[in-house]
Amino acid sequence: MATKHRSICCLAAAAILLLPLTAAAQGTVRIVQTNSAGDNVHFIDPITNEVVGVVDGIERAHGAAPSPDGKWLYVANESDDTIDIVDVAALKVIKKVPLSGRPNNIAITPDGKKVYTAIAQAPGALDVLDTGSNEIVATISVHGGVHNTYVTPDGKYAIAGMVGGRNITVVDTMTDRPVWTTYFDLGIRPMAFDVNEDGSTRHIYAQLSNFNGFGVVDFSTRKEVKRIEYPEVAPDERTPGHGGNTAHGIGVTPDNQYVVANSSLNSSVYVYTLPDLELVGGVRVGHSPNWVTITPDSKYAYISLSGNNSVAVVDIAAVEKIAEIPTGGQVPKRNATLILDQ
């Protein structure tokens, strides 16, 4: 597929748009937006692009993981060192589960039975929540403090990424034991995954500290095979104050066709085709894009803007910012897509 370059442009926030979200036939979709410097979590309707619900009482929320049936939301609470369990229908925290240390990101298995929590506090671990009992049933020792954790699309592995330890450690979700580790020269930031035709994991796309792009790990060989660097940014176009989060926030569309990746260096989002990783284009979205979540129909990416206290909406195929949603939250970061009424 030939590269289809688009100029990076900055679009003003549009009026609320009605999006033809075909995935609504599968259930009611909500975008979950946490706030790292606030005490609440927002729910956004992607049809109207309005905030339609707020959960209060979750201070310094980090990662969020919805259950597959959309009934529950699990949120890592950095203030209390807990997993806060939210009844989605009631928009209320029903239980706070103590963790072994300060958490960062979290992930849930596709069957909804386990939630893995990244424990960033030394020596680092993955805490495992059994969703049947809502209790921690295991603490898995890994190779350092964990910043971001994920579960592969097939549910077979939990992935722990370390900034200080500069490695990715892969855990078997059946045994809850580490099975392999790959080391890097830079710290591991957000990750995303694409799949083979049989649903098994094909690649890990890992953003790295102080690198404006992402590395590509072949899951079968367990080795980094490529690094994709975003287009060069002129000094006068750079956004100050991003620290080591040069590139922070990445996702693969559910249809396995695109990688959507943030750059804090110039407040932009880039889109690449799969599997060839050809650049489609980029668009400026607003100050400090931090996380990516994608609608089930693979059409729209929702990008948290930590510097704007808002969420940008990007048309993925067009590489165009079509809306910006003020949430009222403070320093929004991690987000997720929740589907109700399946």
C-alpha atoms as a PDB file:
ATOM      1  CA  MET A   1       0.000   0.000   0.000  1.00  0.00           C
ATOM      2  CA  ALA A   2       1.484   3.311  -1.022  1.00  0.00           C
ATOM      3  CA  THR A   3       2.129   5.865   1.678  1.00  0.00           C
ATOM      4  CA  LYS A   4      -0.568   8.483   1.768  1.00  0.00           C
ATOM      5  CA  HIS A   5       1.070  11.511   3.377  1.00  0.00           C
ATOM      6  CA  ARG A   6      -1.024  14.237   4.932  1.00  0.00           C
ATOM      7  CA  SER A   7       0.190  17.515   6.329  1.00  0.00           C
ATOM      8  CA  ILE A   8       0.066  17.881  10.083  1.00  0.00           C
ATOM      9  CA  CYS A   9      -2.525  20.478  10.861  1.00  0.00           C
ATOM     10  CA  CYS A  10      -4.190  21.922  13.904  1.00  0.00           C
ATOM     11  CA  LEU A  11      -7.980  21.997  13.816  1.00  0.00           C
ATOM     12  CA  ALA A  12     -10.127  24.023  16.153  1.00  0.00           C
ATOM     13  CA  ALA A  13     -12.465  22.057  18.372  1.00  0.00           C
ATOM     14  CA  ALA A  14     -15.626  21.374  16.436  1.00  0.00           C
ATOM     15  CA  ALA A  15     -19.205  21.530  17.560  1.00  0.00           C
ATOM     16  CA  ILE A  16     -20.579  18.238  18.835  1.00  0.00           C
ATOM     17  CA  LEU A  17     -20.771  15.768  15.971  1.00  0.00           C
ATOM     18  CA  LEU A  18     -23.101  12.838  15.496  1.00  0.00           C
ATOM     19  CA  LEU A  19     -20.858   9.896  14.638  1.00  0.00           C
ATOM     20  CA  PRO A  20     -22.237   6.944  12.647  1.00  0.00           C
ATOM     21  CA  LEU A  21     -20.943   4.426  15.185  1.00  0.00           C
ATOM     22  CA  THR A  22     -21.845   1.068  13.649  1.00  0.00           C
ATOM     23  CA  ALA A  23     -20.538  -0.715  16.751  1.00  0.00           C
ATOM     24  CA  ALA A  24     -23.567   0.604  18.653  1.00  0.00           C
ATOM     25  CA  ALA A  25     -25.411  -2.400  17.241  1.00  0.00           C
ATOM     26  CA  GLN A  26     -23.162  -4.552  19.440  1.00  0.00           C
ATOM     27  CA  GLY A  27     -24.079  -2.583  22.553  1.00  0.00           C
ATOM     28  CA  THR A  28     -23.953   0.896  24.021  1.00  0.00           C
ATOM     29  CA  VAL A  29     -20.408   2.267  23.817  1.00  0.00           C
ATOM     30  CA  ARG A  30     -18.823   4.538  26.402  1.00  0.00           C
ATOM     31  CA  ILE A  31     -15.375   6.088  26.487  1.00  0.00           C
ATOM     32  CA  VAL A  32     -13.957   5.935  30.017  1.00  0.00           C
ATOM     33  CA  GLN A  33     -11.610   8.797  30.897  1.00  0.00           C
ATOM     34  CA  THR A  34      -9.574   8.834  34.125  1.00  0.00           C
ATOM     35  CA  ASN A  35      -8.071  11.967  35.682  1.00  0.00           C
ATOM     36  CA  SER A  36      -4.603  11.645  37.188  1.00  0.00           C
ATOM     37  CA  ALA A  37      -4.763  14.873  39.235  1.00  0.00           C
ATOM     38  CA  GLY A  38      -8.449  14.731  40.141  1.00  0.00           C
ATOM     39  CA  ASP A  39     -10.822  12.517  42.082  1.00  0.00           C
ATOM     40  CA  ASN A  40     -13.262  11.338  39.434  1.00  0.00           C
ATOM     41  CA  VAL A  41     -13.700   9.336  36.244  1.00  0.00           C
ATOM     42  CA  HIS A  42     -15.771  10.492  33.263  1.00  0.00           C
ATOM     43  CA  PHE A  43     -17.945   8.530  30.832  1.00  0.00           C
ATOM     44  CA  ILE A  44     -18.288   9.934  27.288  1.00  0.00           C
ATOM     45  CA  ASP A  45     -21.002   8.979  24.784  1.00  0.00           C
ATOM     46  CA  PRO A  46     -19.203   8.619  21.407  1.00  0.00           C
ATOM     47  CA  ILE A  47     -22.456   9.255  19.514  1.00  0.00           C
ATOM     48  CA  THR A  48     -22.938  12.757  20.914  1.00  0.00           C
ATOM     49  CA  ASN A  49     -19.402  13.331  22.233  1.00  0.00           C
ATOM     50  CA  GLU A  50     -20.802  14.526  25.540  1.00  0.00           C
ATOM     51  CA  VAL A  51     -19.942  13.550  29.109  1.00  0.00           C
ATOM     52  CA  VAL A  52     -22.894  11.424  30.261  1.00  0.00           C
ATOM     53  CA  GLY A  53     -21.658  10.102  33.611  1.00  0.00           C
ATOM     54  CA  VAL A  54     -19.192  10.801  36.405  1.00  0.00           C
ATOM     55  CA  VAL A  55     -17.834   8.492  39.114  1.00  0.00           C
ATOM     56  CA  ASP A  56     -16.584  10.423  42.134  1.00  0.00           C
ATOM     57  CA  GLY A  57     -14.237   9.380  44.921  1.00  0.00           C
ATOM     58  CA  ILE A  58     -11.351   7.895  42.906  1.00  0.00           C
ATOM     59  CA  GLU A  59      -8.370  10.123  43.621  1.00  0.00           C
ATOM     60  CA  ARG A  60      -5.372   9.983  41.271  1.00  0.00           C
ATOM     61  CA  ALA A  61      -6.899   7.343  39.027  1.00  0.00           C
ATOM     62  CA  HIS A  62      -4.377   5.629  36.792  1.00  0.00           C
ATOM     63  CA  GLY A  63      -5.470   2.720  34.567  1.00  0.00           C
ATOM     64  CA  ALA A  64      -9.066   1.652  33.897  1.00  0.00           C
ATOM     65  CA  ALA A  65     -10.284  -1.745  32.678  1.00  0.00           C
ATOM     66  CA  PRO A  66     -13.966  -2.451  31.894  1.00  0.00           C
ATOM     67  CA  SER A  67     -15.381  -5.953  32.275  1.00  0.00           C
ATOM     68  CA  PRO A  68     -16.344  -7.621  28.967  1.00  0.00           C
ATOM     69  CA  ASP A  69     -20.069  -7.346  29.810  1.00  0.00           C
ATOM     70  CA  GLY A  70     -19.732  -3.647  30.658  1.00  0.00           C
ATOM     71  CA  LYS A  71     -21.175  -4.044  34.148  1.00  0.00           C
ATOM     72  CA  TRP A  72     -18.002  -3.305  36.081  1.00  0.00           C
ATOM     73  CA  LEU A  73     -15.075  -0.936  35.786  1.00  0.00           C
ATOM     74  CA  TYR A  74     -11.790  -1.591  37.575  1.00  0.00           C
ATOM     75  CA  VAL A  75      -9.661   1.503  38.307  1.00  0.00           C
ATOM     76  CA  ALA A  76      -6.154   1.727  39.765  1.00  0.00           C
ATOM     77  CA  ASN A  77      -6.201   4.291  42.590  1.00  0.00           C
ATOM     78  CA  GLU A  78      -2.744   5.782  43.199  1.00  0.00           C
ATOM     79  CA  SER A  79      -3.871   7.721  46.264  1.00  0.00           C
ATOM     80  CA  ASP A  80      -5.116   4.719  48.241  1.00  0.00           C
ATOM     81  CA  ASP A  81      -3.025   1.957  46.575  1.00  0.00           C
ATOM     82  CA  THR A  82      -6.208   0.087  45.698  1.00  0.00           C
ATOM     83  CA  ILE A  83      -8.220  -1.296  42.826  1.00  0.00           C
ATOM     84  CA  ASP A  84     -11.541   0.527  42.955  1.00  0.00           C
ATOM     85  CA  ILE A  85     -14.447  -1.520  41.607  1.00  0.00           C
ATOM     86  CA  VAL A  86     -17.184   0.570  39.990  1.00  0.00           C
ATOM     87  CA  ASP A  87     -20.778  -0.506  39.436  1.00  0.00           C
ATOM     88  CA  VAL A  88     -21.245   1.051  35.990  1.00  0.00           C
ATOM     89  CA  ALA A  89     -25.052   1.247  36.142  1.00  0.00           C
ATOM     90  CA  ALA A  90     -24.936   3.014  39.517  1.00  0.00           C
ATOM     91  CA  LEU A  91     -21.791   5.067  38.714  1.00  0.00           C
ATOM     92  CA  LYS A  92     -20.526   4.206  42.182  1.00  0.00           C
ATOM     93  CA  VAL A  93     -17.467   2.582  43.772  1.00  0.00           C
ATOM     94  CA  ILE A  94     -18.655  -0.549  45.553  1.00  0.00           C
ATOM     95  CA  LYS A  95     -15.326  -1.886  46.826  1.00  0.00           C
ATOM     96  CA  LYS A  96     -11.698  -0.840  47.230  1.00  0.00           C
ATOM     97  CA  VAL A  97      -9.259  -3.768  47.092  1.00  0.00           C
ATOM     98  CA  PRO A  98      -5.843  -3.162  48.755  1.00  0.00           C
ATOM     99  CA  LEU A  99      -2.785  -3.781  46.569  1.00  0.00           C
ATOM    100  CA  SER A 100       0.798  -4.756  47.401  1.00  0.00           C
ATOM    101  CA  GLY A 101       2.096  -1.298  46.447  1.00  0.00           C
ATOM    102  CA  ARG A 102       1.464   1.845  44.403  1.00  0.00           C
ATOM    103  CA  PRO A 103      -0.286   0.923  41.137  1.00  0.00           C
ATOM    104  CA  ASN A 104       0.030   2.220  37.612  1.00  0.00           C
ATOM    105  CA  ASN A 105      -1.852   0.737  34.664  1.00  0.00           C
ATOM    106  CA  ILE A 106      -4.171  -2.297  34.733  1.00  0.00           C
ATOM    107  CA  ALA A 107      -5.586  -4.852  32.253  1.00  0.00           C
ATOM    108  CA  ILE A 108      -8.362  -7.427  32.242  1.00  0.00           C
ATOM    109  CA  THR A 109      -8.487 -10.822  30.518  1.00  0.00           C
ATOM    110  CA  PRO A 110     -10.991 -11.206  27.650  1.00  0.00           C
ATOM    111  CA  ASP A 111     -13.072 -13.625  29.737  1.00  0.00           C
ATOM    112  CA  GLY A 112     -13.230 -11.048  32.532  1.00  0.00           C
ATOM    113  CA  LYS A 113     -11.929 -13.442  35.191  1.00  0.00           C
ATOM    114  CA  LYS A 114      -8.648 -11.725  36.104  1.00  0.00           C
ATOM    115  CA  VAL A 115      -7.421  -8.154  36.412  1.00  0.00           C
ATOM    116  CA  TYR A 116      -3.653  -7.587  36.318  1.00  0.00           C
ATOM    117  CA  THR A 117      -2.346  -4.486  38.086  1.00  0.00           C
ATOM    118  CA  ALA A 118       1.085  -2.963  37.459  1.00  0.00           C
ATOM    119  CA  ILE A 119       2.807  -2.306  40.786  1.00  0.00           C
ATOM    120  CA  ALA A 120       5.269   0.506  40.155  1.00  0.00           C
ATOM    121  CA  GLN A 121       6.578   0.681  43.721  1.00  0.00           C
ATOM    122  CA  ALA A 122       9.864  -1.194  44.235  1.00  0.00           C
ATOM    123  CA  PRO A 123      10.593  -4.042  43.879  1.00  0.00           C
ATOM    124  CA  GLY A 124       7.669  -4.151  41.432  1.00  0.00           C
ATOM    125  CA  ALA A 125       5.126  -6.850  40.651  1.00  0.00           C
ATOM    126  CA  LEU A 126       1.875  -7.748  38.952  1.00  0.00           C
ATOM    127  CA  ASP A 127      -1.023  -8.122  41.389  1.00  0.00           C
ATOM    128  CA  VAL A 128      -3.770 -10.474  40.193  1.00  0.00           C
ATOM    129  CA  LEU A 129      -7.385  -9.775  41.110  1.00  0.00           C
ATOM    130  CA  ASP A 130      -9.871 -12.636  40.856  1.00  0.00           C
ATOM    131  CA  THR A 131     -13.096 -10.950  39.724  1.00  0.00           C
ATOM    132  CA  GLY A 132     -15.249 -13.736  41.147  1.00  0.00           C
ATOM    133  CA  SER A 133     -14.144 -13.036  44.709  1.00  0.00           C
ATOM    134  CA  ASN A 134     -12.858  -9.485  44.136  1.00  0.00           C
ATOM    135  CA  GLU A 135      -9.715 -10.382  46.063  1.00  0.00           C
ATOM    136  CA  ILE A 136      -6.004 -10.378  45.184  1.00  0.00           C
ATOM    137  CA  VAL A 137      -5.050 -14.018  44.606  1.00  0.00           C
ATOM    138  CA  ALA A 138      -1.434 -13.663  43.459  1.00  0.00           C
ATOM    139  CA  THR A 139       1.469 -11.224  43.401  1.00  0.00           C
ATOM    140  CA  ILE A 140       3.859 -12.055  40.557  1.00  0.00           C
ATOM    141  CA  SER A 141       7.490 -11.017  40.905  1.00  0.00           C
ATOM    142  CA  VAL A 142       8.874  -9.533  37.692  1.00  0.00           C
ATOM    143  CA  HIS A 143      12.009  -7.708  36.633  1.00  0.00           C
ATOM    144  CA  GLY A 144      11.399  -4.262  38.121  1.00  0.00           C
ATOM    145  CA  GLY A 145       8.684  -1.749  38.931  1.00  0.00           C
ATOM    146  CA  VAL A 146       5.891  -2.095  36.374  1.00  0.00           C
ATOM    147  CA  HIS A 147       4.558   1.013  34.627  1.00  0.00           C
ATOM    148  CA  ASN A 148       2.109  -0.419  32.097  1.00  0.00           C
ATOM    149  CA  THR A 149       0.512  -3.840  31.951  1.00  0.00           C
ATOM    150  CA  TYR A 150      -1.637  -5.381  29.226  1.00  0.00           C
ATOM    151  CA  VAL A 151      -3.287  -8.670  28.336  1.00  0.00           C
ATOM    152  CA  THR A 152      -2.746  -9.953  24.794  1.00  0.00           C
ATOM    153  CA  PRO A 153      -5.881 -10.048  22.604  1.00  0.00           C
ATOM    154  CA  ASP A 154      -6.077 -13.857  22.835  1.00  0.00           C
ATOM    155  CA  GLY A 155      -5.933 -13.679  26.626  1.00  0.00           C
ATOM    156  CA  LYS A 156      -2.987 -16.041  26.923  1.00  0.00           C
ATOM    157  CA  TYR A 157      -0.407 -13.602  28.291  1.00  0.00           C
ATOM    158  CA  ALA A 158      -0.132 -10.622  30.602  1.00  0.00           C
ATOM    159  CA  ILE A 159       2.552  -8.156  29.565  1.00  0.00           C
ATOM    160  CA  ALA A 160       4.534  -6.060  32.052  1.00  0.00           C
ATOM    161  CA  GLY A 161       6.534  -3.069  30.804  1.00  0.00           C
ATOM    162  CA  MET A 162       9.253  -1.460  32.934  1.00  0.00           C
ATOM    163  CA  VAL A 163      10.625   2.060  32.574  1.00  0.00           C
ATOM    164  CA  GLY A 164      13.583   1.718  34.972  1.00  0.00           C
ATOM    165  CA  GLY A 165      14.190  -1.978  34.266  1.00  0.00           C
ATOM    166  CA  ARG A 166      13.935  -1.326  30.505  1.00  0.00           C
ATOM    167  CA  ASN A 167      12.291  -4.641  29.750  1.00  0.00           C
ATOM    168  CA  ILE A 168       9.077  -6.374  28.740  1.00  0.00           C
ATOM    169  CA  THR A 169       8.219  -9.438  30.831  1.00  0.00           C
ATOM    170  CA  VAL A 170       5.573 -11.857  29.551  1.00  0.00           C
ATOM    171  CA  VAL A 171       3.421 -13.842  32.023  1.00  0.00           C
ATOM    172  CA  ASP A 172       1.344 -16.928  31.233  1.00  0.00           C
ATOM    173  CA  THR A 173      -2.215 -16.141  32.398  1.00  0.00           C
ATOM    174  CA  MET A 174      -2.973 -19.821  33.066  1.00  0.00           C
ATOM    175  CA  THR A 175      -0.109 -20.312  35.525  1.00  0.00           C
ATOM    176  CA  ASP A 176       0.569 -16.642  36.456  1.00  0.00           C
ATOM    177  CA  ARG A 177       4.273 -17.250  35.999  1.00  0.00           C
ATOM    178  CA  PRO A 178       6.753 -15.261  33.862  1.00  0.00           C
ATOM    179  CA  VAL A 179       7.766 -17.136  30.699  1.00  0.00           C
ATOM    180  CA  TRP A 180      10.122 -14.737  28.921  1.00  0.00           C
ATOM    181  CA  THR A 181      11.708 -11.296  29.104  1.00  0.00           C
ATOM    182  CA  THR A 182      13.109  -9.001  26.422  1.00  0.00           C
ATOM    183  CA  TYR A 183      15.472  -6.160  27.384  1.00  0.00           C
ATOM    184  CA  PHE A 184      15.844  -2.781  25.647  1.00  0.00           C
ATOM    185  CA  ASP A 185      18.222   0.147  25.692  1.00  0.00           C
ATOM    186  CA  LEU A 186      15.379   2.513  26.682  1.00  0.00           C
ATOM    187  CA  GLY A 187      12.526   2.402  29.178  1.00  0.00           C
ATOM    188  CA  ILE A 188       9.215   0.857  28.132  1.00  0.00           C
ATOM    189  CA  ARG A 189       6.214   3.173  27.863  1.00  0.00           C
ATOM    190  CA  PRO A 190       2.737   2.307  26.409  1.00  0.00           C
ATOM    191  CA  MET A 191       2.259  -0.765  24.215  1.00  0.00           C
ATOM    192  CA  ALA A 192      -0.233  -2.182  21.696  1.00  0.00           C
ATOM    193  CA  PHE A 193      -0.629  -5.504  19.872  1.00  0.00           C
ATOM    194  CA  ASP A 194      -1.715  -6.806  16.500  1.00  0.00           C
ATOM    195  CA  VAL A 195      -2.703 -10.402  15.773  1.00  0.00           C
ATOM    196  CA  ASN A 196      -2.200 -13.198  13.289  1.00  0.00           C
ATOM    197  CA  GLU A 197      -5.110 -14.713  11.354  1.00  0.00           C
ATOM    198  CA  ASP A 198      -5.612 -17.310  14.091  1.00  0.00           C
ATOM    199  CA  GLY A 199      -5.896 -14.576  16.746  1.00  0.00           C
ATOM    200  CA  SER A 200      -2.476 -15.171  18.287  1.00  0.00           C
ATOM    201  CA  THR A 201      -0.251 -12.184  19.017  1.00  0.00           C
ATOM    202  CA  ARG A 202       1.897 -11.072  16.080  1.00  0.00           C
ATOM    203  CA  HIS A 203       3.765  -7.986  17.315  1.00  0.00           C
ATOM    204  CA  ILE A 204       4.156  -5.758  20.333  1.00  0.00           C
ATOM    205  CA  TYR A 205       4.362  -2.059  19.439  1.00  0.00           C
ATOM    206  CA  ALA A 206       6.213  -0.443  22.350  1.00  0.00           C
ATOM    207  CA  GLN A 207       6.813   3.258  22.832  1.00  0.00           C
ATOM    208  CA  LEU A 208      10.147   4.028  24.478  1.00  0.00           C
ATOM    209  CA  SER A 209      11.482   6.723  26.795  1.00  0.00           C
ATOM    210  CA  ASN A 210      12.924   9.735  24.982  1.00  0.00           C
ATOM    211  CA  PHE A 211      12.224   8.251  21.531  1.00  0.00           C
ATOM    212  CA  ASN A 212       9.717   9.871  19.179  1.00  0.00           C
ATOM    213  CA  GLY A 213       8.235   6.691  17.769  1.00  0.00           C
ATOM    214  CA  PHE A 214       7.931   3.041  18.772  1.00  0.00           C
ATOM    215  CA  GLY A 215       9.750  -0.271  18.661  1.00  0.00           C
ATOM    216  CA  VAL A 216       8.355  -3.434  17.060  1.00  0.00           C
ATOM    217  CA  VAL A 217       8.792  -6.782  18.819  1.00  0.00           C
ATOM    218  CA  ASP A 218       8.139 -10.028  16.947  1.00  0.00           C
ATOM    219  CA  PHE A 219       6.166 -12.053  19.486  1.00  0.00           C
ATOM    220  CA  SER A 220       7.250 -15.423  18.113  1.00  0.00           C
ATOM    221  CA  THR A 221      11.003 -14.696  18.151  1.00  0.00           C
ATOM    222  CA  ARG A 222      10.778 -12.432  21.234  1.00  0.00           C
ATOM    223  CA  LYS A 223      13.088  -9.886  19.586  1.00  0.00           C
ATOM    224  CA  GLU A 224      12.827  -6.265  18.546  1.00  0.00           C
ATOM    225  CA  VAL A 225      12.830  -6.281  14.738  1.00  0.00           C
ATOM    226  CA  LYS A 226      12.263  -2.630  13.856  1.00  0.00           C
ATOM    227  CA  ARG A 227      11.979   0.926  15.160  1.00  0.00           C
ATOM    228  CA  ILE A 228       9.555   3.377  13.625  1.00  0.00           C
ATOM    229  CA  GLU A 229      10.500   7.027  14.112  1.00  0.00           C
ATOM    230  CA  TYR A 230       7.847   9.676  13.572  1.00  0.00           C
ATOM    231  CA  PRO A 231       8.518  12.472  11.063  1.00  0.00           C
ATOM    232  CA  GLU A 232      11.174  14.922  12.173  1.00  0.00           C
ATOM    233  CA  VAL A 233       9.901  17.877  14.200  1.00  0.00           C
ATOM    234  CA  ALA A 234      11.509  21.304  13.816  1.00  0.00           C
ATOM    235  CA  PRO A 235      12.672  22.873  17.112  1.00  0.00           C
ATOM    236  CA  ASP A 236      10.151  25.718  16.861  1.00  0.00           C
ATOM    237  CA  GLU A 237       7.277  23.218  16.487  1.00  0.00           C
ATOM    238  CA  ARG A 238       8.051  21.235  19.624  1.00  0.00           C
ATOM    239  CA  THR A 239       5.824  21.216  22.694  1.00  0.00           C
ATOM    240  CA  PRO A 240       7.768  21.846  25.931  1.00  0.00           C
ATOM    241  CA  GLY A 241       7.404  19.922  29.173  1.00  0.00           C
ATOM    242  CA  HIS A 242       6.900  16.334  28.020  1.00  0.00           C
ATOM    243  CA  GLY A 243       9.842  14.842  29.937  1.00  0.00           C
ATOM    244  CA  GLY A 244      10.627  11.243  29.008  1.00  0.00           C
ATOM    245  CA  ASN A 245       7.110  10.817  27.598  1.00  0.00           C
ATOM    246  CA  THR A 246       8.196  11.816  24.112  1.00  0.00           C
ATOM    247  CA  ALA A 247       5.738   9.318  22.626  1.00  0.00           C
ATOM    248  CA  HIS A 248       2.966   8.252  25.007  1.00  0.00           C
ATOM    249  CA  GLY A 249      -0.222   6.488  23.947  1.00  0.00           C
ATOM    250  CA  ILE A 250      -0.627   3.855  21.236  1.00  0.00           C
ATOM    251  CA  GLY A 251      -3.382   1.559  19.997  1.00  0.00           C
ATOM    252  CA  VAL A 252      -4.182  -0.944  17.257  1.00  0.00           C
ATOM    253  CA  THR A 253      -7.632  -0.757  15.676  1.00  0.00           C
ATOM    254  CA  PRO A 254      -9.890  -3.751  16.416  1.00  0.00           C
ATOM    255  CA  ASP A 255      -9.936  -4.610  12.696  1.00  0.00           C
ATOM    256  CA  ASN A 256      -6.117  -4.977  12.776  1.00  0.00           C
ATOM    257  CA  GLN A 257      -5.677  -2.363  10.022  1.00  0.00           C
ATOM    258  CA  TYR A 258      -3.997   0.618  11.716  1.00  0.00           C
ATOM    259  CA  VAL A 259      -1.652   1.684  14.494  1.00  0.00           C
ATOM    260  CA  VAL A 260      -2.648   4.988  16.127  1.00  0.00           C
ATOM    261  CA  ALA A 261       0.238   6.563  18.044  1.00  0.00           C
ATOM    262  CA  ASN A 262       0.680   9.760  20.059  1.00  0.00           C
ATOM    263  CA  SER A 263       3.622  12.149  20.092  1.00  0.00           C
ATOM    264  CA  SER A 264       4.012  14.529  23.025  1.00  0.00           C
ATOM    265  CA  LEU A 265       6.953  16.120  21.237  1.00  0.00           C
ATOM    266  CA  ASN A 266       4.638  18.078  18.932  1.00  0.00           C
ATOM    267  CA  SER A 267       1.181  17.284  20.394  1.00  0.00           C
ATOM    268  CA  SER A 268       0.271  15.081  17.449  1.00  0.00           C
ATOM    269  CA  VAL A 269      -1.240  11.724  16.545  1.00  0.00           C
ATOM    270  CA  TYR A 270       0.189   9.559  13.746  1.00  0.00           C
ATOM    271  CA  VAL A 271      -1.542   6.741  11.882  1.00  0.00           C
ATOM    272  CA  TYR A 272       0.287   3.793  10.280  1.00  0.00           C
ATOM    273  CA  THR A 273      -1.082   0.941   8.184  1.00  0.00           C
ATOM    274  CA  LEU A 274      -0.764  -2.701   9.177  1.00  0.00           C
ATOM    275  CA  PRO A 275       1.076  -4.905   8.536  1.00  0.00           C
ATOM    276  CA  ASP A 276       3.455  -2.772   6.462  1.00  0.00           C
ATOM    277  CA  LEU A 277       3.679   0.194   8.900  1.00  0.00           C
ATOM    278  CA  GLU A 278       3.406   2.796   6.171  1.00  0.00           C
ATOM    279  CA  LEU A 279       2.682   6.314   7.440  1.00  0.00           C
ATOM    280  CA  VAL A 280      -0.824   7.480   6.514  1.00  0.00           C
ATOM    281  CA  GLY A 281      -0.423  10.889   8.112  1.00  0.00           C
ATOM    282  CA  GLY A 282      -0.451  12.933  11.283  1.00  0.00           C
ATOM    283  CA  VAL A 283      -2.587  15.603  12.932  1.00  0.00           C
ATOM    284  CA  ARG A 284      -2.049  18.009  15.809  1.00  0.00           C
ATOM    285  CA  VAL A 285      -4.609  17.317  18.520  1.00  0.00           C
ATOM    286  CA  GLY A 286      -3.741  19.470  21.550  1.00  0.00           C
ATOM    287  CA  HIS A 287      -1.282  19.733  24.414  1.00  0.00           C
ATOM    288  CA  SER A 288       0.215  16.505  25.820  1.00  0.00           C
ATOM    289  CA  PRO A 289      -1.672  13.623  24.177  1.00  0.00           C
ATOM    290  CA  ASN A 290      -1.283  10.818  26.698  1.00  0.00           C
ATOM    291  CA  TRP A 291      -3.413   7.772  25.861  1.00  0.00           C
ATOM    292  CA  VAL A 292      -5.414   6.211  23.030  1.00  0.00           C
ATOM    293  CA  THR A 293      -8.629   4.211  23.045  1.00  0.00           C
ATOM    294  CA  ILE A 294     -10.478   3.193  19.890  1.00  0.00           C
ATOM    295  CA  THR A 295     -14.164   2.617  19.146  1.00  0.00           C
ATOM    296  CA  PRO A 296     -15.163  -1.000  18.364  1.00  0.00           C
ATOM    297  CA  ASP A 297     -15.886  -0.133  14.719  1.00  0.00           C
ATOM    298  CA  SER A 298     -12.219   0.967  14.290  1.00  0.00           C
ATOM    299  CA  LYS A 299     -13.280   4.402  12.980  1.00  0.00           C
ATOM    300  CA  TYR A 300     -12.466   6.803  15.799  1.00  0.00           C
ATOM    301  CA  ALA A 301      -9.644   7.261  18.300  1.00  0.00           C
ATOM    302  CA  TYR A 302     -10.197   9.103  21.561  1.00  0.00           C
ATOM    303  CA  ILE A 303      -7.032  10.846  22.757  1.00  0.00           C
ATOM    304  CA  SER A 304      -6.641  12.192  26.299  1.00  0.00           C
ATOM    305  CA  LEU A 305      -5.076  15.668  26.301  1.00  0.00           C
ATOM    306  CA  SER A 306      -3.390  16.096  29.663  1.00  0.00           C
ATOM    307  CA  GLY A 307      -2.412  19.689  28.985  1.00  0.00           C
ATOM    308  CA  ASN A 308      -5.906  20.726  27.839  1.00  0.00           C
ATOM    309  CA  ASN A 309      -8.076  18.845  30.366  1.00  0.00           C
ATOM    310  CA  SER A 310     -10.010  17.479  27.418  1.00  0.00           C
ATOM    311  CA  VAL A 311     -10.331  14.554  25.001  1.00  0.00           C
ATOM    312  CA  ALA A 312      -9.721  14.801  21.260  1.00  0.00           C
ATOM    313  CA  VAL A 313     -11.591  12.698  18.705  1.00  0.00           C
ATOM    314  CA  VAL A 314      -9.672  11.608  15.603  1.00  0.00           C
ATOM    315  CA  ASP A 315     -11.161  10.101  12.441  1.00  0.00           C
ATOM    316  CA  ILE A 316      -8.558   7.385  11.933  1.00  0.00           C
ATOM    317  CA  ALA A 317      -8.821   6.752   8.175  1.00  0.00           C
ATOM    318  CA  ALA A 318      -8.956  10.492   7.403  1.00  0.00           C
ATOM    319  CA  VAL A 319      -6.301  11.343  10.051  1.00  0.00           C
ATOM    320  CA  GLU A 320      -8.422  14.312  11.048  1.00  0.00           C
ATOM    321  CA  LYS A 321      -9.346  15.792  14.419  1.00  0.00           C
ATOM    322  CA  ILE A 322     -13.106  16.179  14.360  1.00  0.00           C
ATOM    323  CA  ALA A 323     -13.951  17.178  17.943  1.00  0.00           C
ATOM    324  CA  GLU A 324     -12.531  18.100  21.336  1.00  0.00           C
ATOM    325  CA  ILE A 325     -14.501  17.308  24.481  1.00  0.00           C
ATOM    326  CA  PRO A 326     -13.902  19.303  27.684  1.00  0.00           C
ATOM    327  CA  THR A 327     -14.417  16.832  30.532  1.00  0.00           C
ATOM    328  CA  GLY A 328     -13.924  19.057  33.533  1.00  0.00           C
ATOM    329  CA  GLY A 329     -11.364  16.565  34.837  1.00  0.00           C
ATOM    330  CA  GLN A 330      -7.865  17.419  35.980  1.00  0.00           C
ATOM    331  CA  VAL A 331      -4.948  16.080  33.901  1.00  0.00           C
ATOM    332  CA  PRO A 332      -6.778  13.293  32.038  1.00  0.00           C
ATOM    333  CA  LYS A 333      -4.511  10.398  31.102  1.00  0.00           C
ATOM    334  CA  ARG A 334      -5.501   6.732  30.735  1.00  0.00           C
ATOM    335  CA  ASN A 335      -8.741   5.897  28.975  1.00  0.00           C
ATOM    336  CA  ALA A 336     -10.624   2.825  27.800  1.00  0.00           C
ATOM    337  CA  THR A 337     -13.595   1.722  25.696  1.00  0.00           C
ATOM    338  CA  LEU A 338     -16.539   0.111  27.500  1.00  0.00           C
ATOM    339  CA  ILE A 339     -19.442  -1.714  25.814  1.00  0.00           C
ATOM    340  CA  LEU A 340     -22.761  -2.117  27.625  1.00  0.00           C
ATOM    341  CA  ASP A 341     -25.760  -4.336  26.894  1.00  0.00           C
ATOM    342  CA  GLN A 342     -23.965  -6.928  24.783  1.00  0.00           C
END
